[in-house]
Amino acid sequence: MKNISHLQQLMHDNNILYGLDDLPMNTYGYFQSSESGDYIIIKDCIDIQNDDTLLKCVLAEEIGHYFTTIGINEPVNTNTYHRNMMIEKEETKALKWATDYLIDTELLIAYLADHTLAKVPDIAHYFQVTENLVINKLEFMKRKDEYWKLRDQIYLCLVRLPTIFIADLWDDSFIDFLESD
């Protein structure tokens, strides 16, 4: 599993500076690229709370901006609709990078093949990430395919997220369930 040390090493290798500061409400992290360098600011209350899981997820998303963002996406109150859409697109790319970095798809499939009764909290605990990050990972996987083969005829079914199903897709009871409201 990836941990905070992996993220710190990644920041070190790419000369990304890191610090804590008081950020606005609902903002846990901020990435900025400028002529003087790249830096990440994390909301100081996350560090104070000793919430390593949340810190890891926020750091990963902000590092994701380093690898996926083109240009500076500094939110300002005078953003146009088009600019807000571009920022949202950049946020989605950074979040996808974070989910892929912290939850490798092949490892997730292997885990679920061995733990067919797992729920989102179980997956979050195993990968040491937030439940929200797990749901985002599953949403990104669903965009690629709604059914992921685990073994034999057993599949991970993502059609009704945030609920996940692991079942034999050819089982009549599963087909009945899918057809129900």
N, C-alpha and C. Protein backbone atom coordinates (compact mmCIF):
# COMPACT_ATOMS: atom_id res chain seq x y z
N MET A 1 0.83 -1.19 0.00
CA MET A 1 0.00 0.00 0.00
C MET A 1 0.88 1.25 0.00
N LYS A 2 0.37 2.26 -0.63
CA LYS A 2 1.07 3.54 -0.63
C LYS A 2 0.75 4.26 0.68
N ASN A 3 1.77 4.88 1.26
CA ASN A 3 1.55 5.63 2.50
C ASN A 3 2.07 7.05 2.34
N ILE A 4 2.00 7.81 3.41
CA ILE A 4 2.42 9.22 3.35
C ILE A 4 3.89 9.34 2.97
N SER A 5 4.71 8.40 3.41
CA SER A 5 6.14 8.43 3.06
C SER A 5 6.34 8.35 1.55
N HIS A 6 5.53 7.52 0.88
CA HIS A 6 5.62 7.43 -0.59
C HIS A 6 5.30 8.79 -1.22
N LEU A 7 4.27 9.43 -0.69
CA LEU A 7 3.87 10.74 -1.23
C LEU A 7 4.94 11.80 -0.96
N GLN A 8 5.52 11.77 0.24
CA GLN A 8 6.58 12.72 0.57
C GLN A 8 7.79 12.51 -0.33
N GLN A 9 8.12 11.26 -0.61
CA GLN A 9 9.24 10.97 -1.51
C GLN A 9 8.94 11.47 -2.92
N LEU A 10 7.72 11.30 -3.36
CA LEU A 10 7.30 11.78 -4.68
C LEU A 10 7.42 13.30 -4.75
N MET A 11 7.00 13.98 -3.68
CA MET A 11 7.14 15.45 -3.64
C MET A 11 8.61 15.83 -3.66
N HIS A 12 9.43 15.14 -2.89
CA HIS A 12 10.87 15.42 -2.84
C HIS A 12 11.50 15.23 -4.21
N ASP A 13 11.19 14.10 -4.86
CA ASP A 13 11.76 13.79 -6.18
C ASP A 13 11.38 14.81 -7.24
N ASN A 14 10.24 15.46 -7.07
CA ASN A 14 9.76 16.43 -8.06
C ASN A 14 9.87 17.87 -7.58
N ASN A 15 10.60 18.07 -6.50
CA ASN A 15 10.84 19.42 -5.95
C ASN A 15 9.55 20.17 -5.65
N ILE A 16 8.58 19.48 -5.09
CA ILE A 16 7.33 20.10 -4.69
C ILE A 16 7.43 20.46 -3.22
N LEU A 17 7.29 21.73 -2.91
CA LEU A 17 7.33 22.17 -1.51
C LEU A 17 5.98 21.91 -0.86
N TYR A 18 5.98 21.77 0.46
CA TYR A 18 4.78 21.37 1.18
C TYR A 18 4.70 22.14 2.49
N GLY A 19 3.50 22.59 2.82
CA GLY A 19 3.32 23.29 4.08
C GLY A 19 1.88 23.23 4.54
N LEU A 20 1.68 23.66 5.78
CA LEU A 20 0.36 23.70 6.38
C LEU A 20 -0.05 25.15 6.55
N ASP A 21 -1.33 25.42 6.38
CA ASP A 21 -1.83 26.78 6.55
C ASP A 21 -3.34 26.71 6.77
N ASP A 22 -3.90 27.84 7.16
CA ASP A 22 -5.34 27.94 7.34
C ASP A 22 -5.95 28.21 5.97
N LEU A 23 -6.73 27.28 5.46
CA LEU A 23 -7.39 27.43 4.17
C LEU A 23 -8.88 27.68 4.38
N PRO A 24 -9.54 28.22 3.37
CA PRO A 24 -10.98 28.47 3.50
C PRO A 24 -11.77 27.20 3.78
N MET A 25 -12.96 27.37 4.32
CA MET A 25 -13.84 26.23 4.62
C MET A 25 -14.03 25.37 3.37
N ASN A 26 -14.10 24.07 3.54
CA ASN A 26 -14.29 23.09 2.47
C ASN A 26 -13.10 22.99 1.52
N THR A 27 -11.98 23.60 1.85
CA THR A 27 -10.77 23.46 1.06
C THR A 27 -9.73 22.78 1.94
N TYR A 28 -9.39 21.55 1.57
CA TYR A 28 -8.43 20.78 2.37
C TYR A 28 -7.01 20.90 1.84
N GLY A 29 -6.86 21.21 0.57
CA GLY A 29 -5.54 21.31 -0.01
C GLY A 29 -5.54 22.24 -1.19
N TYR A 30 -4.34 22.68 -1.55
CA TYR A 30 -4.20 23.62 -2.65
C TYR A 30 -2.84 23.39 -3.30
N PHE A 31 -2.82 23.28 -4.63
CA PHE A 31 -1.58 23.14 -5.38
C PHE A 31 -1.37 24.41 -6.19
N GLN A 32 -0.14 24.90 -6.18
CA GLN A 32 0.19 26.09 -6.95
C GLN A 32 1.50 25.86 -7.68
N SER A 33 1.52 26.19 -8.94
CA SER A 33 2.73 26.14 -9.74
C SER A 33 3.06 27.57 -10.15
N SER A 34 4.27 27.99 -9.87
CA SER A 34 4.67 29.36 -10.23
C SER A 34 6.12 29.35 -10.67
N GLU A 35 6.62 30.50 -11.06
CA GLU A 35 8.00 30.60 -11.49
C GLU A 35 8.97 30.24 -10.37
N SER A 36 8.55 30.48 -9.14
CA SER A 36 9.44 30.18 -8.01
C SER A 36 9.38 28.71 -7.60
N GLY A 37 8.47 27.95 -8.16
CA GLY A 37 8.40 26.53 -7.86
C GLY A 37 6.97 26.03 -7.68
N ASP A 38 6.88 24.77 -7.38
CA ASP A 38 5.59 24.12 -7.15
C ASP A 38 5.43 23.88 -5.66
N TYR A 39 4.23 24.13 -5.17
CA TYR A 39 4.02 23.89 -3.75
C TYR A 39 2.59 23.45 -3.47
N ILE A 40 2.46 22.73 -2.35
CA ILE A 40 1.18 22.23 -1.88
C ILE A 40 0.96 22.79 -0.48
N ILE A 41 -0.24 23.30 -0.27
CA ILE A 41 -0.64 23.75 1.06
C ILE A 41 -1.79 22.85 1.51
N ILE A 42 -1.66 22.33 2.71
CA ILE A 42 -2.69 21.47 3.30
C ILE A 42 -3.30 22.21 4.48
N LYS A 43 -4.60 22.10 4.61
CA LYS A 43 -5.31 22.73 5.72
C LYS A 43 -4.71 22.24 7.04
N ASP A 44 -4.31 23.17 7.88
CA ASP A 44 -3.59 22.81 9.10
C ASP A 44 -4.39 21.94 10.05
N CYS A 45 -5.71 22.03 10.05
CA CYS A 45 -6.51 21.23 10.98
C CYS A 45 -6.42 19.73 10.67
N ILE A 46 -6.12 19.36 9.43
CA ILE A 46 -5.97 17.95 9.08
C ILE A 46 -4.77 17.37 9.81
N ASP A 47 -3.68 18.12 9.84
CA ASP A 47 -2.47 17.66 10.52
C ASP A 47 -2.68 17.65 12.03
N ILE A 48 -3.35 18.66 12.54
CA ILE A 48 -3.61 18.76 13.98
C ILE A 48 -4.47 17.59 14.45
N GLN A 49 -5.42 17.17 13.62
CA GLN A 49 -6.32 16.07 13.99
C GLN A 49 -5.62 14.71 13.93
N ASN A 50 -4.38 14.69 13.42
CA ASN A 50 -3.65 13.43 13.26
C ASN A 50 -4.43 12.43 12.40
N ASP A 51 -5.09 12.92 11.40
CA ASP A 51 -5.87 12.06 10.51
C ASP A 51 -5.01 11.69 9.31
N ASP A 52 -4.18 10.65 9.47
CA ASP A 52 -3.26 10.25 8.41
C ASP A 52 -3.97 9.82 7.14
N THR A 53 -5.14 9.19 7.29
CA THR A 53 -5.88 8.72 6.13
C THR A 53 -6.34 9.90 5.28
N LEU A 54 -6.94 10.89 5.91
CA LEU A 54 -7.39 12.08 5.18
C LEU A 54 -6.20 12.84 4.61
N LEU A 55 -5.14 12.98 5.40
CA LEU A 55 -3.94 13.69 4.93
C LEU A 55 -3.38 13.00 3.69
N LYS A 56 -3.32 11.68 3.71
CA LYS A 56 -2.79 10.92 2.57
C LYS A 56 -3.64 11.17 1.33
N CYS A 57 -4.95 11.15 1.47
CA CYS A 57 -5.84 11.34 0.32
C CYS A 57 -5.74 12.77 -0.23
N VAL A 58 -5.69 13.74 0.65
CA VAL A 58 -5.59 15.14 0.21
C VAL A 58 -4.24 15.38 -0.47
N LEU A 59 -3.17 14.88 0.12
CA LEU A 59 -1.84 15.03 -0.49
C LEU A 59 -1.81 14.39 -1.88
N ALA A 60 -2.38 13.19 -2.00
CA ALA A 60 -2.37 12.50 -3.29
C ALA A 60 -3.12 13.31 -4.35
N GLU A 61 -4.25 13.88 -3.98
CA GLU A 61 -4.98 14.67 -4.97
C GLU A 61 -4.20 15.92 -5.37
N GLU A 62 -3.59 16.57 -4.41
CA GLU A 62 -2.81 17.77 -4.74
C GLU A 62 -1.59 17.43 -5.58
N ILE A 63 -0.93 16.31 -5.29
CA ILE A 63 0.18 15.86 -6.14
C ILE A 63 -0.36 15.52 -7.53
N GLY A 64 -1.58 15.00 -7.59
CA GLY A 64 -2.21 14.72 -8.87
C GLY A 64 -2.30 15.96 -9.75
N HIS A 65 -2.49 17.12 -9.12
CA HIS A 65 -2.50 18.37 -9.90
C HIS A 65 -1.15 18.60 -10.56
N TYR A 66 -0.09 18.28 -9.85
CA TYR A 66 1.26 18.46 -10.41
C TYR A 66 1.41 17.66 -11.69
N PHE A 67 0.90 16.43 -11.69
CA PHE A 67 1.07 15.54 -12.83
C PHE A 67 0.02 15.73 -13.93
N THR A 68 -1.11 16.37 -13.62
CA THR A 68 -2.19 16.42 -14.62
C THR A 68 -2.64 17.82 -15.01
N THR A 69 -2.32 18.82 -14.23
CA THR A 69 -2.87 20.16 -14.47
C THR A 69 -1.99 20.93 -15.44
N ILE A 70 -2.67 21.61 -16.36
CA ILE A 70 -1.99 22.49 -17.29
C ILE A 70 -2.41 23.91 -16.94
N GLY A 71 -1.46 24.75 -16.63
CA GLY A 71 -1.79 26.12 -16.28
C GLY A 71 -2.09 26.26 -14.80
N ILE A 72 -2.45 27.45 -14.42
CA ILE A 72 -2.73 27.75 -13.02
C ILE A 72 -4.23 27.82 -12.84
N ASN A 73 -4.74 27.07 -11.90
CA ASN A 73 -6.18 27.00 -11.67
C ASN A 73 -6.54 27.64 -10.35
N GLU A 74 -6.15 28.85 -10.19
CA GLU A 74 -6.44 29.55 -8.94
C GLU A 74 -7.90 30.00 -8.94
N PRO A 75 -8.70 29.47 -8.03
CA PRO A 75 -10.11 29.88 -8.00
C PRO A 75 -10.26 31.31 -7.50
N VAL A 76 -11.03 32.07 -8.22
CA VAL A 76 -11.33 33.44 -7.80
C VAL A 76 -12.83 33.65 -7.93
N ASN A 77 -13.34 34.65 -7.23
CA ASN A 77 -14.78 34.90 -7.23
C ASN A 77 -15.32 35.34 -8.57
N THR A 78 -14.46 35.82 -9.46
CA THR A 78 -14.93 36.34 -10.74
C THR A 78 -14.80 35.34 -11.88
N ASN A 79 -14.66 34.07 -11.56
CA ASN A 79 -14.54 33.05 -12.60
C ASN A 79 -15.79 33.04 -13.47
N THR A 80 -15.58 32.84 -14.74
CA THR A 80 -16.69 32.67 -15.67
C THR A 80 -17.16 31.23 -15.61
N TYR A 81 -18.29 30.97 -16.19
CA TYR A 81 -18.80 29.60 -16.25
C TYR A 81 -17.77 28.69 -16.94
N HIS A 82 -17.22 29.15 -18.04
CA HIS A 82 -16.23 28.35 -18.79
C HIS A 82 -15.01 28.08 -17.92
N ARG A 83 -14.53 29.07 -17.22
CA ARG A 83 -13.36 28.90 -16.34
C ARG A 83 -13.68 27.92 -15.21
N ASN A 84 -14.87 28.01 -14.63
CA ASN A 84 -15.27 27.07 -13.58
C ASN A 84 -15.32 25.64 -14.11
N MET A 85 -15.80 25.47 -15.34
CA MET A 85 -15.84 24.13 -15.93
C MET A 85 -14.43 23.59 -16.17
N MET A 86 -13.53 24.45 -16.58
CA MET A 86 -12.14 24.02 -16.78
C MET A 86 -11.49 23.62 -15.45
N ILE A 87 -11.77 24.38 -14.41
CA ILE A 87 -11.24 24.05 -13.08
C ILE A 87 -11.79 22.71 -12.62
N GLU A 88 -13.09 22.50 -12.81
CA GLU A 88 -13.71 21.23 -12.42
C GLU A 88 -13.08 20.06 -13.18
N LYS A 89 -12.79 20.27 -14.44
CA LYS A 89 -12.16 19.22 -15.25
C LYS A 89 -10.77 18.90 -14.69
N GLU A 90 -10.03 19.93 -14.32
CA GLU A 90 -8.69 19.72 -13.74
C GLU A 90 -8.79 19.02 -12.39
N GLU A 91 -9.80 19.36 -11.60
CA GLU A 91 -10.01 18.69 -10.30
C GLU A 91 -10.29 17.21 -10.51
N THR A 92 -11.10 16.89 -11.51
CA THR A 92 -11.43 15.50 -11.79
C THR A 92 -10.20 14.72 -12.22
N LYS A 93 -9.36 15.31 -13.06
CA LYS A 93 -8.13 14.63 -13.49
C LYS A 93 -7.20 14.37 -12.31
N ALA A 94 -7.07 15.35 -11.42
CA ALA A 94 -6.21 15.17 -10.24
C ALA A 94 -6.77 14.11 -9.31
N LEU A 95 -8.08 14.09 -9.15
CA LEU A 95 -8.72 13.08 -8.30
C LEU A 95 -8.53 11.69 -8.89
N LYS A 96 -8.68 11.56 -10.19
CA LYS A 96 -8.47 10.26 -10.83
C LYS A 96 -7.04 9.81 -10.62
N TRP A 97 -6.08 10.71 -10.78
CA TRP A 97 -4.68 10.35 -10.56
C TRP A 97 -4.51 9.84 -9.13
N ALA A 98 -5.11 10.53 -8.17
CA ALA A 98 -4.99 10.14 -6.76
C ALA A 98 -5.60 8.76 -6.51
N THR A 99 -6.78 8.51 -7.08
CA THR A 99 -7.41 7.21 -6.86
C THR A 99 -6.58 6.09 -7.48
N ASP A 100 -6.03 6.34 -8.66
CA ASP A 100 -5.21 5.32 -9.31
C ASP A 100 -3.90 5.09 -8.57
N TYR A 101 -3.34 6.15 -8.01
CA TYR A 101 -2.07 6.02 -7.28
C TYR A 101 -2.26 5.29 -5.96
N LEU A 102 -3.31 5.62 -5.23
CA LEU A 102 -3.52 5.04 -3.91
C LEU A 102 -4.24 3.69 -3.93
N ILE A 103 -5.05 3.46 -4.97
CA ILE A 103 -5.79 2.19 -5.07
C ILE A 103 -5.53 1.61 -6.46
N ASP A 104 -4.52 0.81 -6.56
CA ASP A 104 -4.20 0.16 -7.82
C ASP A 104 -5.37 -0.75 -8.21
N THR A 105 -5.83 -0.64 -9.44
CA THR A 105 -6.99 -1.40 -9.89
C THR A 105 -6.77 -2.91 -9.77
N GLU A 106 -5.60 -3.38 -10.17
CA GLU A 106 -5.33 -4.82 -10.08
C GLU A 106 -5.32 -5.30 -8.64
N LEU A 107 -4.78 -4.50 -7.72
CA LEU A 107 -4.79 -4.87 -6.31
C LEU A 107 -6.21 -4.87 -5.76
N LEU A 108 -7.01 -3.92 -6.20
CA LEU A 108 -8.40 -3.86 -5.76
C LEU A 108 -9.17 -5.09 -6.24
N ILE A 109 -8.98 -5.46 -7.50
CA ILE A 109 -9.64 -6.65 -8.05
C ILE A 109 -9.19 -7.89 -7.28
N ALA A 110 -7.91 -8.01 -7.00
CA ALA A 110 -7.40 -9.17 -6.25
C ALA A 110 -7.99 -9.20 -4.84
N TYR A 111 -8.06 -8.03 -4.20
CA TYR A 111 -8.63 -7.97 -2.85
C TYR A 111 -10.10 -8.42 -2.87
N LEU A 112 -10.87 -7.91 -3.82
CA LEU A 112 -12.28 -8.25 -3.89
C LEU A 112 -12.50 -9.71 -4.30
N ALA A 113 -11.61 -10.27 -5.07
CA ALA A 113 -11.72 -11.69 -5.43
C ALA A 113 -11.58 -12.57 -4.19
N ASP A 114 -10.76 -12.12 -3.24
CA ASP A 114 -10.55 -12.87 -1.99
C ASP A 114 -11.53 -12.48 -0.89
N HIS A 115 -12.17 -11.33 -1.03
CA HIS A 115 -13.09 -10.81 0.01
C HIS A 115 -14.41 -10.44 -0.64
N THR A 116 -15.16 -11.42 -1.08
CA THR A 116 -16.36 -11.16 -1.86
C THR A 116 -17.49 -10.53 -1.05
N LEU A 117 -17.37 -10.50 0.27
CA LEU A 117 -18.39 -9.84 1.09
C LEU A 117 -17.96 -8.43 1.51
N ALA A 118 -16.85 -7.95 0.96
CA ALA A 118 -16.33 -6.63 1.34
C ALA A 118 -17.30 -5.52 0.96
N LYS A 119 -17.31 -4.52 1.80
CA LYS A 119 -18.09 -3.31 1.56
C LYS A 119 -17.11 -2.14 1.44
N VAL A 120 -17.61 -0.98 1.06
CA VAL A 120 -16.76 0.19 0.88
C VAL A 120 -15.90 0.47 2.12
N PRO A 121 -16.44 0.43 3.34
CA PRO A 121 -15.56 0.67 4.51
C PRO A 121 -14.42 -0.35 4.63
N ASP A 122 -14.68 -1.60 4.24
CA ASP A 122 -13.63 -2.62 4.28
C ASP A 122 -12.51 -2.29 3.29
N ILE A 123 -12.91 -1.87 2.11
CA ILE A 123 -11.92 -1.51 1.08
C ILE A 123 -11.11 -0.31 1.56
N ALA A 124 -11.79 0.69 2.12
CA ALA A 124 -11.10 1.88 2.62
C ALA A 124 -10.08 1.50 3.71
N HIS A 125 -10.48 0.63 4.60
CA HIS A 125 -9.59 0.20 5.67
C HIS A 125 -8.38 -0.55 5.10
N TYR A 126 -8.61 -1.43 4.14
CA TYR A 126 -7.53 -2.21 3.54
C TYR A 126 -6.50 -1.31 2.86
N PHE A 127 -6.98 -0.34 2.09
CA PHE A 127 -6.07 0.54 1.35
C PHE A 127 -5.66 1.77 2.17
N GLN A 128 -6.20 1.91 3.37
CA GLN A 128 -5.90 3.03 4.27
C GLN A 128 -6.18 4.37 3.60
N VAL A 129 -7.40 4.46 3.05
CA VAL A 129 -7.86 5.69 2.41
C VAL A 129 -9.26 5.99 2.93
N THR A 130 -9.81 7.12 2.54
CA THR A 130 -11.16 7.48 2.95
C THR A 130 -12.18 6.70 2.12
N GLU A 131 -13.37 6.53 2.69
CA GLU A 131 -14.45 5.87 1.96
C GLU A 131 -14.80 6.66 0.70
N ASN A 132 -14.73 7.98 0.80
CA ASN A 132 -15.03 8.83 -0.35
C ASN A 132 -14.07 8.55 -1.50
N LEU A 133 -12.79 8.33 -1.19
CA LEU A 133 -11.82 8.04 -2.24
C LEU A 133 -12.14 6.69 -2.89
N VAL A 134 -12.56 5.71 -2.10
CA VAL A 134 -12.94 4.41 -2.65
C VAL A 134 -14.12 4.57 -3.61
N ILE A 135 -15.11 5.32 -3.21
CA ILE A 135 -16.28 5.53 -4.07
C ILE A 135 -15.88 6.23 -5.35
N ASN A 136 -14.99 7.22 -5.24
CA ASN A 136 -14.50 7.89 -6.46
C ASN A 136 -13.77 6.92 -7.36
N LYS A 137 -12.94 6.05 -6.78
CA LYS A 137 -12.22 5.04 -7.57
C LYS A 137 -13.22 4.15 -8.31
N LEU A 138 -14.24 3.69 -7.60
CA LEU A 138 -15.25 2.83 -8.22
C LEU A 138 -16.02 3.57 -9.32
N GLU A 139 -16.29 4.85 -9.11
CA GLU A 139 -16.96 5.66 -10.14
C GLU A 139 -16.09 5.76 -11.39
N PHE A 140 -14.78 5.98 -11.22
CA PHE A 140 -13.88 6.03 -12.38
C PHE A 140 -13.82 4.68 -13.07
N MET A 141 -13.82 3.60 -12.30
CA MET A 141 -13.82 2.26 -12.89
C MET A 141 -15.12 2.02 -13.66
N LYS A 142 -16.23 2.50 -13.12
CA LYS A 142 -17.53 2.32 -13.77
C LYS A 142 -17.57 3.02 -15.13
N ARG A 143 -16.90 4.14 -15.24
CA ARG A 143 -16.85 4.85 -16.53
C ARG A 143 -16.18 4.00 -17.60
N LYS A 144 -15.27 3.14 -17.16
CA LYS A 144 -14.57 2.26 -18.10
C LYS A 144 -15.38 1.00 -18.37
N ASP A 145 -15.96 0.41 -17.32
CA ASP A 145 -16.76 -0.80 -17.46
C ASP A 145 -17.59 -0.99 -16.20
N GLU A 146 -18.83 -1.42 -16.34
CA GLU A 146 -19.69 -1.63 -15.17
C GLU A 146 -19.46 -2.99 -14.53
N TYR A 147 -18.81 -3.91 -15.24
CA TYR A 147 -18.59 -5.26 -14.73
C TYR A 147 -17.11 -5.59 -14.83
N TRP A 148 -16.51 -5.99 -13.72
CA TRP A 148 -15.09 -6.32 -13.65
C TRP A 148 -14.96 -7.77 -13.19
N LYS A 149 -14.32 -8.58 -14.00
CA LYS A 149 -14.17 -10.00 -13.68
C LYS A 149 -13.19 -10.17 -12.52
N LEU A 150 -13.65 -10.90 -11.50
CA LEU A 150 -12.80 -11.20 -10.34
C LEU A 150 -12.17 -12.58 -10.49
N ARG A 151 -12.99 -13.56 -10.85
CA ARG A 151 -12.52 -14.93 -11.09
C ARG A 151 -13.68 -15.73 -11.69
N ASP A 152 -13.36 -16.75 -12.45
CA ASP A 152 -14.36 -17.61 -13.06
C ASP A 152 -15.54 -16.77 -13.57
N GLN A 153 -16.73 -17.02 -13.04
CA GLN A 153 -17.91 -16.25 -13.47
C GLN A 153 -18.31 -15.22 -12.41
N ILE A 154 -17.42 -14.92 -11.51
CA ILE A 154 -17.71 -13.96 -10.43
C ILE A 154 -17.21 -12.57 -10.86
N TYR A 155 -18.13 -11.61 -10.79
CA TYR A 155 -17.83 -10.25 -11.26
C TYR A 155 -18.14 -9.21 -10.18
N LEU A 156 -17.41 -8.13 -10.24
CA LEU A 156 -17.72 -6.93 -9.47
C LEU A 156 -18.68 -6.13 -10.32
N CYS A 157 -19.84 -5.83 -9.77
CA CYS A 157 -20.88 -5.11 -10.50
C CYS A 157 -20.99 -3.69 -9.93
N LEU A 158 -20.81 -2.69 -10.79
CA LEU A 158 -20.80 -1.29 -10.35
C LEU A 158 -22.01 -0.50 -10.87
N VAL A 159 -23.07 -1.18 -11.26
CA VAL A 159 -24.21 -0.48 -11.86
C VAL A 159 -25.00 0.36 -10.88
N ARG A 160 -24.91 0.05 -9.57
CA ARG A 160 -25.72 0.78 -8.59
C ARG A 160 -24.85 1.40 -7.50
N LEU A 161 -23.80 2.06 -7.91
CA LEU A 161 -22.94 2.71 -6.93
C LEU A 161 -23.74 3.72 -6.13
N PRO A 162 -23.47 3.91 -4.86
CA PRO A 162 -22.29 3.45 -4.12
C PRO A 162 -22.38 2.02 -3.61
N THR A 163 -23.47 1.32 -3.90
CA THR A 163 -23.57 -0.08 -3.51
C THR A 163 -22.81 -0.91 -4.53
N ILE A 164 -21.98 -1.83 -4.03
CA ILE A 164 -21.26 -2.72 -4.94
C ILE A 164 -21.78 -4.14 -4.74
N PHE A 165 -21.75 -4.90 -5.82
CA PHE A 165 -22.19 -6.29 -5.79
C PHE A 165 -21.09 -7.15 -6.36
N ILE A 166 -20.87 -8.28 -5.73
CA ILE A 166 -19.97 -9.29 -6.26
C ILE A 166 -20.82 -10.53 -6.41
N ALA A 167 -20.99 -10.95 -7.65
CA ALA A 167 -21.93 -12.04 -7.89
C ALA A 167 -21.60 -12.76 -9.18
N ASP A 168 -22.21 -13.92 -9.32
CA ASP A 168 -22.19 -14.66 -10.57
C ASP A 168 -23.23 -13.98 -11.46
N LEU A 169 -22.77 -13.33 -12.51
CA LEU A 169 -23.68 -12.55 -13.36
C LEU A 169 -24.73 -13.42 -14.04
N TRP A 170 -24.50 -14.72 -14.09
CA TRP A 170 -25.44 -15.59 -14.78
C TRP A 170 -26.41 -16.25 -13.81
N ASP A 171 -26.31 -15.91 -12.54
CA ASP A 171 -27.22 -16.44 -11.52
C ASP A 171 -28.58 -15.76 -11.67
N ASP A 172 -29.64 -16.55 -11.72
CA ASP A 172 -30.99 -16.01 -11.92
C ASP A 172 -31.39 -15.00 -10.84
N SER A 173 -30.98 -15.24 -9.60
CA SER A 173 -31.35 -14.32 -8.53
C SER A 173 -30.68 -12.95 -8.73
N PHE A 174 -29.47 -12.93 -9.27
CA PHE A 174 -28.80 -11.67 -9.54
C PHE A 174 -29.48 -10.94 -10.69
N ILE A 175 -29.86 -11.66 -11.70
CA ILE A 175 -30.57 -11.06 -12.85
C ILE A 175 -31.91 -10.48 -12.37
N ASP A 176 -32.61 -11.21 -11.51
CA ASP A 176 -33.86 -10.70 -10.94
C ASP A 176 -33.62 -9.42 -10.16
N PHE A 177 -32.53 -9.39 -9.39
CA PHE A 177 -32.21 -8.20 -8.60
C PHE A 177 -31.97 -7.00 -9.51
N LEU A 178 -31.22 -7.18 -10.58
CA LEU A 178 -30.93 -6.08 -11.49
C LEU A 178 -32.20 -5.55 -12.15
N GLU A 179 -33.15 -6.42 -12.39
CA GLU A 179 -34.38 -6.01 -13.05
C GLU A 179 -35.38 -5.37 -12.11
N SER A 180 -35.12 -5.50 -10.79
CA SER A 180 -36.04 -4.90 -9.80
C SER A 180 -35.75 -3.42 -9.64
N ASP A 181 -36.69 -2.70 -9.11
CA ASP A 181 -36.51 -1.25 -8.87
C ASP A 181 -35.85 -1.04 -7.59
